[in-house]
C-alpha atoms as a PDB file:
ATOM      1  CA  MET A   1       0.047  -0.053   0.134  1.00  0.00           C
ATOM      2  CA  ALA A   2       2.910   2.471  -0.479  1.00  0.00           C
ATOM      3  CA  TRP A   3       1.049   3.745  -3.191  1.00  0.00           C
ATOM      4  CA  PHE A   4      -1.430   5.453  -0.950  1.00  0.00           C
ATOM      5  CA  SER A   5       1.075   6.160   1.478  1.00  0.00           C
ATOM      6  CA  PHE A   6       0.757  10.326   0.965  1.00  0.00           C
ATOM      7  CA  LEU A   7      -3.028   8.756   2.588  1.00  0.00           C
ATOM      8  CA  ASP A   8      -1.447   8.314   5.856  1.00  0.00           C
ATOM      9  CA  PRO A   9      -2.582  11.232   7.920  1.00  0.00           C
ATOM     10  CA  VAL A  10      -6.121  10.759   6.456  1.00  0.00           C
ATOM     11  CA  MET A  11      -6.373   7.221   7.179  1.00  0.00           C
ATOM     12  CA  ASN A  12      -4.801   7.921  10.733  1.00  0.00           C
ATOM     13  CA  PHE A  13      -7.140  10.692  11.464  1.00  0.00           C
ATOM     14  CA  LEU A  14     -10.025   8.314  10.577  1.00  0.00           C
ATOM     15  CA  LEU A  15      -9.037   5.235  11.990  1.00  0.00           C
ATOM     16  CA  GLY A  16      -6.676   6.231  14.439  1.00  0.00           C
ATOM     17  CA  TRP A  17      -9.206   5.625  17.182  1.00  0.00           C
ATOM     18  CA  MET A  18      -8.888   1.863  16.694  1.00  0.00           C
ATOM     19  CA  LEU A  19      -5.598   1.702  18.423  1.00  0.00           C
ATOM     20  CA  ASN A  20      -6.757   2.894  21.284  1.00  0.00           C
ATOM     21  CA  PHE A  21      -8.637  -0.848  21.770  1.00  0.00           C
ATOM     22  CA  SER A  22      -7.551  -4.534  21.668  1.00  0.00           C
ATOM     23  CA  PRO A  23      -7.238  -6.040  18.214  1.00  0.00           C
ATOM     24  CA  PHE A  24     -10.124  -8.104  18.741  1.00  0.00           C
ATOM     25  CA  VAL A  25     -12.514  -5.171  19.596  1.00  0.00           C
ATOM     26  CA  SER A  26     -11.004  -3.005  16.841  1.00  0.00           C
ATOM     27  CA  ILE A  27     -11.811  -5.428  14.248  1.00  0.00           C
ATOM     28  CA  LEU A  28     -15.178  -6.353  15.423  1.00  0.00           C
ATOM     29  CA  LEU A  29     -16.506  -2.202  15.480  1.00  0.00           C
ATOM     30  CA  LEU A  30     -14.870  -1.890  12.137  1.00  0.00           C
ATOM     31  CA  SER A  31     -16.604  -5.132  10.831  1.00  0.00           C
ATOM     32  CA  VAL A  32     -19.657  -3.535  11.926  1.00  0.00           C
ATOM     33  CA  ALA A  33     -19.460   0.035  10.434  1.00  0.00           C
ATOM     34  CA  LEU A  34     -18.213  -1.565   7.102  1.00  0.00           C
ATOM     35  CA  SER A  35     -20.806  -4.017   6.733  1.00  0.00           C
ATOM     36  CA  LEU A  36     -23.638  -1.255   7.291  1.00  0.00           C
ATOM     37  CA  PHE A  37     -21.836   1.068   4.928  1.00  0.00           C
ATOM     38  CA  ILE A  38     -21.652  -1.504   2.198  1.00  0.00           C
ATOM     39  CA  THR A  39     -25.081  -2.747   2.697  1.00  0.00           C
ATOM     40  CA  LEU A  40     -26.301   0.535   2.540  1.00  0.00           C
ATOM     41  CA  VAL A  41     -24.057   1.262  -0.787  1.00  0.00           C
ATOM     42  CA  TYR A  42     -26.019  -1.780  -1.855  1.00  0.00           C
ATOM     43  CA  LYS A  43     -29.639  -0.715  -0.781  1.00  0.00           C
ATOM     44  CA  TYR A  44     -29.428   2.798  -2.449  1.00  0.00           C
ATOM     45  CA  THR A  45     -27.303   1.703  -5.832  1.00  0.00           C
ATOM     46  CA  THR A  46     -29.243  -0.932  -7.036  1.00  0.00           C
ATOM     47  CA  ASN A  47     -33.033  -1.232  -7.910  1.00  0.00           C
ATOM     48  CA  GLN A  48     -34.016  -3.419  -5.084  1.00  0.00           C
ATOM     49  CA  SER A  49     -37.620  -3.847  -6.511  1.00  0.00           C
ATOM     50  CA  LEU A  50     -35.600  -5.972  -9.844  1.00  0.00           C
ATOM     51  CA  MET A  51     -33.144  -7.407  -7.475  1.00  0.00           C
ATOM     52  CA  LYS A  52     -36.441  -8.856  -5.391  1.00  0.00           C
ATOM     53  CA  ASP A  53     -37.784  -9.904  -8.622  1.00  0.00           C
ATOM     54  CA  LEU A  54     -34.744 -11.828  -9.872  1.00  0.00           C
ATOM     55  CA  LYS A  55     -34.180 -13.495  -6.637  1.00  0.00           C
ATOM     56  CA  ASP A  56     -37.635 -14.759  -6.644  1.00  0.00           C
ATOM     57  CA  GLU A  57     -37.044 -15.921 -10.069  1.00  0.00           C
ATOM     58  CA  LEU A  58     -34.118 -17.822  -9.336  1.00  0.00           C
ATOM     59  CA  LYS A  59     -35.548 -19.484  -6.060  1.00  0.00           C
ATOM     60  CA  ALA A  60     -38.907 -20.605  -8.802  1.00  0.00           C
ATOM     61  CA  PHE A  61     -36.086 -21.988 -11.424  1.00  0.00           C
ATOM     62  CA  GLN A  62     -34.481 -24.183  -8.369  1.00  0.00           C
ATOM     63  CA  GLN A  63     -38.089 -25.394  -7.089  1.00  0.00           C
ATOM     64  CA  GLN A  64     -38.359 -26.493 -10.540  1.00  0.00           C
ATOM     65  CA  MET A  65     -35.267 -28.676 -11.399  1.00  0.00           C
ATOM     66  CA  LYS A  66     -35.769 -30.339  -8.040  1.00  0.00           C
ATOM     67  CA  GLU A  67     -39.426 -31.459  -9.493  1.00  0.00           C
ATOM     68  CA  LEU A  68     -37.899 -32.242 -12.848  1.00  0.00           C
ATOM     69  CA  LYS A  69     -34.884 -34.532 -11.589  1.00  0.00           C
ATOM     70  CA  HIS A  70     -36.692 -37.077 -13.898  1.00  0.00           C
ATOM     71  CA  ASP A  71     -36.467 -35.514 -17.037  1.00  0.00           C
ATOM     72  CA  PRO A  72     -32.797 -34.387 -17.870  1.00  0.00           C
ATOM     73  CA  ASN A  73     -33.806 -31.903 -20.674  1.00  0.00           C
ATOM     74  CA  ALA A  74     -36.540 -30.203 -19.053  1.00  0.00           C
ATOM     75  CA  MET A  75     -34.627 -29.580 -15.912  1.00  0.00           C
ATOM     76  CA  MET A  76     -31.491 -28.265 -18.420  1.00  0.00           C
ATOM     77  CA  ASP A  77     -33.720 -26.089 -20.116  1.00  0.00           C
ATOM     78  CA  VAL A  78     -34.852 -24.521 -16.618  1.00  0.00           C
ATOM     79  CA  ASN A  79     -31.028 -24.411 -15.542  1.00  0.00           C
ATOM     80  CA  LYS A  80     -30.213 -22.028 -18.801  1.00  0.00           C
ATOM     81  CA  LYS A  81     -33.021 -19.714 -17.488  1.00  0.00           C
ATOM     82  CA  ALA A  82     -31.309 -19.813 -14.066  1.00  0.00           C
ATOM     83  CA  MET A  83     -27.761 -19.267 -15.251  1.00  0.00           C
ATOM     84  CA  GLU A  84     -29.221 -15.914 -17.460  1.00  0.00           C
ATOM     85  CA  THR A  85     -31.311 -15.268 -14.847  1.00  0.00           C
ATOM     86  CA  ASN A  86     -28.469 -15.305 -12.133  1.00  0.00           C
ATOM     87  CA  LEU A  87     -26.180 -13.524 -14.401  1.00  0.00           C
ATOM     88  CA  LYS A  88     -28.593 -10.289 -14.634  1.00  0.00           C
ATOM     89  CA  TYR A  89     -28.177 -10.482 -10.706  1.00  0.00           C
ATOM     90  CA  MET A  90     -24.586 -10.758 -10.923  1.00  0.00           C
ATOM     91  CA  THR A  91     -24.358  -7.741 -13.333  1.00  0.00           C
ATOM     92  CA  HIS A  92     -26.570  -5.171 -11.041  1.00  0.00           C
ATOM     93  CA  SER A  93     -24.575  -6.493  -8.064  1.00  0.00           C
ATOM     94  CA  PHE A  94     -21.626  -5.163  -9.807  1.00  0.00           C
ATOM     95  CA  LYS A  95     -22.595  -1.403  -9.620  1.00  0.00           C
ATOM     96  CA  PRO A  96     -21.997  -1.028  -5.545  1.00  0.00           C
ATOM     97  CA  MET A  97     -18.450  -2.094  -6.302  1.00  0.00           C
ATOM     98  CA  LEU A  98     -17.512   1.252  -7.809  1.00  0.00           C
ATOM     99  CA  PHE A  99     -18.609   2.864  -4.476  1.00  0.00           C
ATOM    100  CA  THR A 100     -16.953   0.624  -1.902  1.00  0.00           C
ATOM    101  CA  PHE A 101     -14.098  -0.880  -4.059  1.00  0.00           C
ATOM    102  CA  LEU A 102     -11.813   2.062  -3.356  1.00  0.00           C
ATOM    103  CA  PRO A 103     -12.541   2.898   0.564  1.00  0.00           C
ATOM    104  CA  ILE A 104     -11.899  -0.975   1.050  1.00  0.00           C
ATOM    105  CA  ILE A 105      -8.543  -1.084  -0.050  1.00  0.00           C
ATOM    106  CA  LEU A 106      -7.281   2.171   1.513  1.00  0.00           C
ATOM    107  CA  ILE A 107      -9.115   0.370   4.763  1.00  0.00           C
ATOM    108  CA  PHE A 108      -7.707  -2.781   4.184  1.00  0.00           C
ATOM    109  CA  GLY A 109      -4.160  -1.157   3.438  1.00  0.00           C
ATOM    110  CA  TRP A 110      -4.241   0.478   7.094  1.00  0.00           C
ATOM    111  CA  LEU A 111      -5.151  -2.648   8.622  1.00  0.00           C
ATOM    112  CA  ASN A 112      -2.371  -4.533   7.313  1.00  0.00           C
ATOM    113  CA  ALA A 113      -0.080  -1.545   8.597  1.00  0.00           C
ATOM    114  CA  HIS A 114      -1.075  -1.888  11.747  1.00  0.00           C
ATOM    115  CA  PHE A 115      -2.571  -4.800  12.755  1.00  0.00           C
ATOM    116  CA  ALA A 116      -0.964  -7.481  10.882  1.00  0.00           C
ATOM    117  CA  TYR A 117       2.051  -8.118  13.394  1.00  0.00           C
ATOM    118  CA  GLU A 118       2.826  -7.119  16.848  1.00  0.00           C
ATOM    119  CA  PRO A 119       5.446  -3.895  17.553  1.00  0.00           C
ATOM    120  CA  ILE A 120       8.573  -4.307  18.583  1.00  0.00           C
ATOM    121  CA  HIS A 121       8.650  -2.316  22.221  1.00  0.00           C
ATOM    122  CA  PRO A 122      11.565  -0.478  23.832  1.00  0.00           C
ATOM    123  CA  GLY A 123      13.440  -3.184  25.901  1.00  0.00           C
ATOM    124  CA  GLN A 124      12.509  -6.392  23.484  1.00  0.00           C
ATOM    125  CA  GLU A 125      14.987  -8.128  21.814  1.00  0.00           C
ATOM    126  CA  PHE A 126      14.324  -8.951  18.270  1.00  0.00           C
ATOM    127  CA  THR A 127      15.981 -10.483  14.830  1.00  0.00           C
ATOM    128  CA  MET A 128      16.813  -9.618  12.051  1.00  0.00           C
ATOM    129  CA  THR A 129      17.582 -12.478   9.045  1.00  0.00           C
ATOM    130  CA  VAL A 130      19.250 -11.809   6.078  1.00  0.00           C
ATOM    131  CA  ALA A 131      18.812 -14.611   3.043  1.00  0.00           C
ATOM    132  CA  PHE A 132      21.268 -14.795   0.365  1.00  0.00           C
ATOM    133  CA  ASP A 133      21.515 -15.901  -2.810  1.00  0.00           C
ATOM    134  CA  LYS A 134      22.568 -19.958  -3.490  1.00  0.00           C
ATOM    135  CA  THR A 135      26.012 -18.905  -4.679  1.00  0.00           C
ATOM    136  CA  ALA A 136      26.627 -15.995  -1.916  1.00  0.00           C
ATOM    137  CA  ILE A 137      29.786 -17.037   0.382  1.00  0.00           C
ATOM    138  CA  GLY A 138      31.626 -15.202   3.221  1.00  0.00           C
ATOM    139  CA  GLY A 139      30.800 -12.936   6.336  1.00  0.00           C
ATOM    140  CA  ILE A 140      28.298 -10.357   6.970  1.00  0.00           C
ATOM    141  CA  SER A 141      28.556  -7.702   9.577  1.00  0.00           C
ATOM    142  CA  VAL A 142      25.674  -5.787  11.359  1.00  0.00           C
ATOM    143  CA  LEU A 143      26.048  -2.224  11.725  1.00  0.00           C
ATOM    144  CA  ALA A 144      24.010  -0.952  14.421  1.00  0.00           C
ATOM    145  CA  PRO A 145      23.101   2.696  15.021  1.00  0.00           C
ATOM    146  CA  ASP A 146      23.254   4.529  18.133  1.00  0.00           C
ATOM    147  CA  GLY A 147      20.697   3.556  20.379  1.00  0.00           C
ATOM    148  CA  LEU A 148      20.503  -0.212  19.329  1.00  0.00           C
ATOM    149  CA  LEU A 149      22.450  -2.937  20.900  1.00  0.00           C
ATOM    150  CA  VAL A 150      23.683  -6.214  19.059  1.00  0.00           C
ATOM    151  CA  THR A 151      23.245  -9.300  21.375  1.00  0.00           C
ATOM    152  CA  SER A 152      24.873 -11.606  18.848  1.00  0.00           C
ATOM    153  CA  ASP A 153      27.674 -11.889  17.398  1.00  0.00           C
ATOM    154  CA  GLU A 154      28.019  -8.744  15.022  1.00  0.00           C
ATOM    155  CA  THR A 155      29.766 -10.676  12.349  1.00  0.00           C
ATOM    156  CA  LYS A 156      28.374 -14.000  10.768  1.00  0.00           C
ATOM    157  CA  THR A 157      29.545 -16.666   8.124  1.00  0.00           C
ATOM    158  CA  VAL A 158      26.792 -17.407   6.106  1.00  0.00           C
ATOM    159  CA  THR A 159      25.089 -20.495   6.545  1.00  0.00           C
ATOM    160  CA  ASP A 160      22.538 -22.412   4.850  1.00  0.00           C
ATOM    161  CA  GLY A 161      22.016 -19.158   2.997  1.00  0.00           C
ATOM    162  CA  ASN A 162      21.241 -17.134   6.059  1.00  0.00           C
ATOM    163  CA  ALA A 163      22.563 -14.942   8.685  1.00  0.00           C
ATOM    164  CA  ILE A 164      20.860 -14.055  11.583  1.00  0.00           C
ATOM    165  CA  PHE A 165      21.648 -11.274  14.195  1.00  0.00           C
ATOM    166  CA  THR A 166      19.581 -10.368  17.501  1.00  0.00           C
ATOM    167  CA  LEU A 167      19.237  -6.483  18.510  1.00  0.00           C
ATOM    168  CA  LYS A 168      17.534  -4.509  21.196  1.00  0.00           C
ATOM    169  CA  GLY A 169      16.796  -0.939  21.543  1.00  0.00           C
ATOM    170  CA  GLU A 170      15.822   0.733  24.725  1.00  0.00           C
ATOM    171  CA  ALA A 171      13.992   3.996  23.553  1.00  0.00           C
ATOM    172  CA  GLU A 172      10.913   4.474  20.557  1.00  0.00           C
ATOM    173  CA  GLY A 173      12.299   5.247  17.152  1.00  0.00           C
ATOM    174  CA  ILE A 174      13.306   4.525  13.641  1.00  0.00           C
ATOM    175  CA  TYR A 175      16.286   2.767  13.356  1.00  0.00           C
ATOM    176  CA  PRO A 176      18.515   2.090  10.326  1.00  0.00           C
ATOM    177  CA  VAL A 177      20.235  -0.926  10.847  1.00  0.00           C
ATOM    178  CA  GLY A 178      22.810  -1.882   8.351  1.00  0.00           C
ATOM    179  CA  PHE A 179      24.591  -4.880   6.780  1.00  0.00           C
ATOM    180  CA  SER A 180      27.955  -5.090   5.672  1.00  0.00           C
ATOM    181  CA  PHE A 181      28.804  -7.670   2.843  1.00  0.00           C
ATOM    182  CA  ASN A 182      31.395  -8.220  -0.103  1.00  0.00           C
ATOM    183  CA  ASN A 183      32.409  -4.670   0.351  1.00  0.00           C
ATOM    184  CA  GLN A 184      28.465  -3.506   0.011  1.00  0.00           C
ATOM    185  CA  THR A 185      26.443  -2.218   2.635  1.00  0.00           C
ATOM    186  CA  TYR A 186      22.327  -2.650   2.835  1.00  0.00           C
ATOM    187  CA  THR A 187      20.248  -0.889   4.987  1.00  0.00           C
ATOM    188  CA  LYS A 188      16.643  -2.016   6.698  1.00  0.00           C
ATOM    189  CA  GLU A 189      14.694   0.236   8.643  1.00  0.00           C
ATOM    190  CA  VAL A 190      13.650  -0.598  12.399  1.00  0.00           C
ATOM    191  CA  ARG A 191      10.543   0.675  14.597  1.00  0.00           C
ATOM    192  CA  ILE A 192      10.701   0.323  18.171  1.00  0.00           C
ATOM    193  CA  SER A 193       7.543   1.786  19.490  1.00  0.00           C
ATOM    194  CA  GLN A 194       5.205   1.413  21.979  1.00  0.00           C
ATOM    195  CA  ALA A 195       1.743   1.828  20.041  1.00  0.00           C
ATOM    196  CA  ARG A 196       0.419  -0.281  17.290  1.00  0.00           C
ATOM    197  CA  SER A 197       3.278   0.577  14.751  1.00  0.00           C
ATOM    198  CA  TYR A 198       6.089  -0.842  12.390  1.00  0.00           C
ATOM    199  CA  ILE A 199       7.713  -0.777   9.520  1.00  0.00           C
ATOM    200  CA  GLU A 200       6.694  -3.735   6.845  1.00  0.00           C
ATOM    201  CA  PRO A 201       9.272  -6.492   8.213  1.00  0.00           C
ATOM    202  CA  LEU A 202      10.460  -7.866   4.688  1.00  0.00           C
ATOM    203  CA  LEU A 203      12.546  -6.020   2.369  1.00  0.00           C
ATOM    204  CA  VAL A 204      13.123  -7.588  -0.902  1.00  0.00           C
ATOM    205  CA  VAL A 205      16.651  -7.093  -2.466  1.00  0.00           C
ATOM    206  CA  ASN A 206      17.748  -9.549  -4.954  1.00  0.00           C
ATOM    207  CA  ASP A 207      20.584  -7.898  -6.309  1.00  0.00           C
ATOM    208  CA  GLY A 208      22.409 -11.513  -6.769  1.00  0.00           C
ATOM    209  CA  SER A 209      23.973 -11.710  -3.497  1.00  0.00           C
ATOM    210  CA  ILE A 210      21.563 -10.629  -1.049  1.00  0.00           C
ATOM    211  CA  LYS A 211      17.629 -12.196  -1.444  1.00  0.00           C
ATOM    212  CA  SER A 212      15.838 -10.282   1.416  1.00  0.00           C
ATOM    213  CA  ILE A 213      16.528  -8.846   4.839  1.00  0.00           C
ATOM    214  CA  THR A 214      13.618  -9.759   7.579  1.00  0.00           C
ATOM    215  CA  THR A 215      12.714  -8.282  10.740  1.00  0.00           C
ATOM    216  CA  THR A 216      11.263 -10.829  13.302  1.00  0.00           C
ATOM    217  CA  HIS A 217       7.542  -9.910  14.001  1.00  0.00           C
ATOM    218  CA  GLU A 218       5.345 -11.767  15.865  1.00  0.00           C
ATOM    219  CA  LYS A 219       1.592 -12.062  13.957  1.00  0.00           C
ATOM    220  CA  THR A 220      -1.342 -10.416  15.250  1.00  0.00           C
ATOM    221  CA  LYS A 221      -3.995 -13.032  16.413  1.00  0.00           C
ATOM    222  CA  VAL A 222      -7.327 -11.392  16.521  1.00  0.00           C
ATOM    223  CA  ILE A 223      -8.877 -14.262  17.664  1.00  0.00           C
ATOM    224  CA  LYS A 224      -7.554 -16.752  19.806  1.00  0.00           C
ATOM    225  CA  ILE A 225      -8.571 -20.141  20.773  1.00  0.00           C
ATOM    226  CA  GLY A 226      -5.976 -22.025  23.018  1.00  0.00           C
ATOM    227  CA  SER A 227      -2.615 -22.065  21.247  1.00  0.00           C
ATOM    228  CA  PHE A 228      -4.598 -20.981  17.930  1.00  0.00           C
ATOM    229  CA  GLY A 229      -5.154 -17.741  16.587  1.00  0.00           C
ATOM    230  CA  ILE A 230      -6.682 -16.148  13.479  1.00  0.00           C
ATOM    231  CA  THR A 231      -5.141 -13.043  11.956  1.00  0.00           C
ATOM    232  CA  TRP A 232      -7.278  -9.838  11.579  1.00  0.00           C
ATOM    233  CA  LEU A 233      -8.425 -10.482   7.502  1.00  0.00           C
ATOM    234  CA  TRP A 234      -9.817 -13.578   8.771  1.00  0.00           C
ATOM    235  CA  SER A 235     -11.692 -12.062  11.986  1.00  0.00           C
ATOM    236  CA  TYR A 236     -12.667  -9.315   9.319  1.00  0.00           C
ATOM    237  CA  ILE A 237     -14.259 -12.137   7.168  1.00  0.00           C
ATOM    238  CA  ILE A 238     -15.937 -13.913   9.476  1.00  0.00           C
ATOM    239  CA  PHE A 239     -17.375 -10.767  11.417  1.00  0.00           C
ATOM    240  CA  SER A 240     -18.652  -9.315   8.025  1.00  0.00           C
ATOM    241  CA  LEU A 241     -20.350 -11.893   7.308  1.00  0.00           C
ATOM    242  CA  VAL A 242     -22.174 -12.560  10.300  1.00  0.00           C
ATOM    243  CA  PHE A 243     -23.137  -8.934  10.019  1.00  0.00           C
ATOM    244  CA  SER A 244     -23.751  -8.438   6.713  1.00  0.00           C
ATOM    245  CA  ILE A 245     -25.911 -11.128   6.693  1.00  0.00           C
ATOM    246  CA  ALA A 246     -28.031 -10.026   9.740  1.00  0.00           C
ATOM    247  CA  MET A 247     -28.054  -6.388   8.333  1.00  0.00           C
ATOM    248  CA  ARG A 248     -29.243  -7.391   4.610  1.00  0.00           C
ATOM    249  CA  LYS A 249     -32.527  -8.867   6.643  1.00  0.00           C
ATOM    250  CA  MET A 250     -32.989  -6.119   9.209  1.00  0.00           C
ATOM    251  CA  LEU A 251     -33.226  -3.649   6.117  1.00  0.00           C
ATOM    252  CA  LYS A 252     -34.625  -5.789   3.649  1.00  0.00           C
ATOM    253  CA  VAL A 253     -31.789  -5.835   1.063  1.00  0.00           C
ATOM    254  CA  TYR A 254     -32.105  -8.103  -2.040  1.00  0.00           C
END
C-alpha cells in the first residue's frame, strides 16, 4: 500500500481511534461499520424491486429443477434460464462495487500496516535475518546505529543461505540497521514503539548476493482459541459475514 502512503495522515485521522482498543474490539467495531456501509450502498445504488424479482425467479427455477429430476432435458432448459437470471442479478450487483472498492482497499491497507504484526517494544529483543543467494559465501557484519545494541555476534558466516542477528533498543524510534557484505552496505529500517506501529518486516533486495532482509515480528492474533489464533483479515471476514447477513435481513436488502 505504499502507493497510497500520502493518504496516511488522513487514514490515521479517520481510523486512529482503533489503536486505543484491543485488536479484537477494533476489528469487531470496524466490521460492523463497514458491513453497514456496504449494505447501505448496495441498497441505495441498486433497483431493489428488480433485485427482489430476480431473486424470486431464481428460487422458482431452483424449485422447478428439483421437480424435474426425472426429466434431464427439461431440467437443463430451466437451468439455462436460471443461469441467465443469475447473470442479470450479478451484473446489477457490480454497481455498488464502484462506490466501495477504493475505500475498502485503503482501509485494508491501513489495517495491514497496524494489525498484521505485533510491534517491537522498547527493551524487547528481536532478530533480523539476511537471506542470501545460493552462490553467496563469506562473512556479513551488522552495523547498528546509536540506540540499538547487538546482542548476538556482530559478524557471522553465511550458513544455509542465512545469517541471523539479534538486537535490542531501549528507546522508541526508527533505526536504520546496516549490513555489510562483500564491500556493499544494505540498510533495513526498524521501528521500536509502544504503540501499534511497525515498518514492513520484509525488505526484498534480489541483487544477486542478498535476496532479502527480514525483521522478525509476531503475527497479531485477533481471535485466540488456546494456542490457535486468527489474523485480522480472517477475523474481519468472519465478523463481516455474520453482520452483513443480519443487516441485509433487517434492512430488507435483496
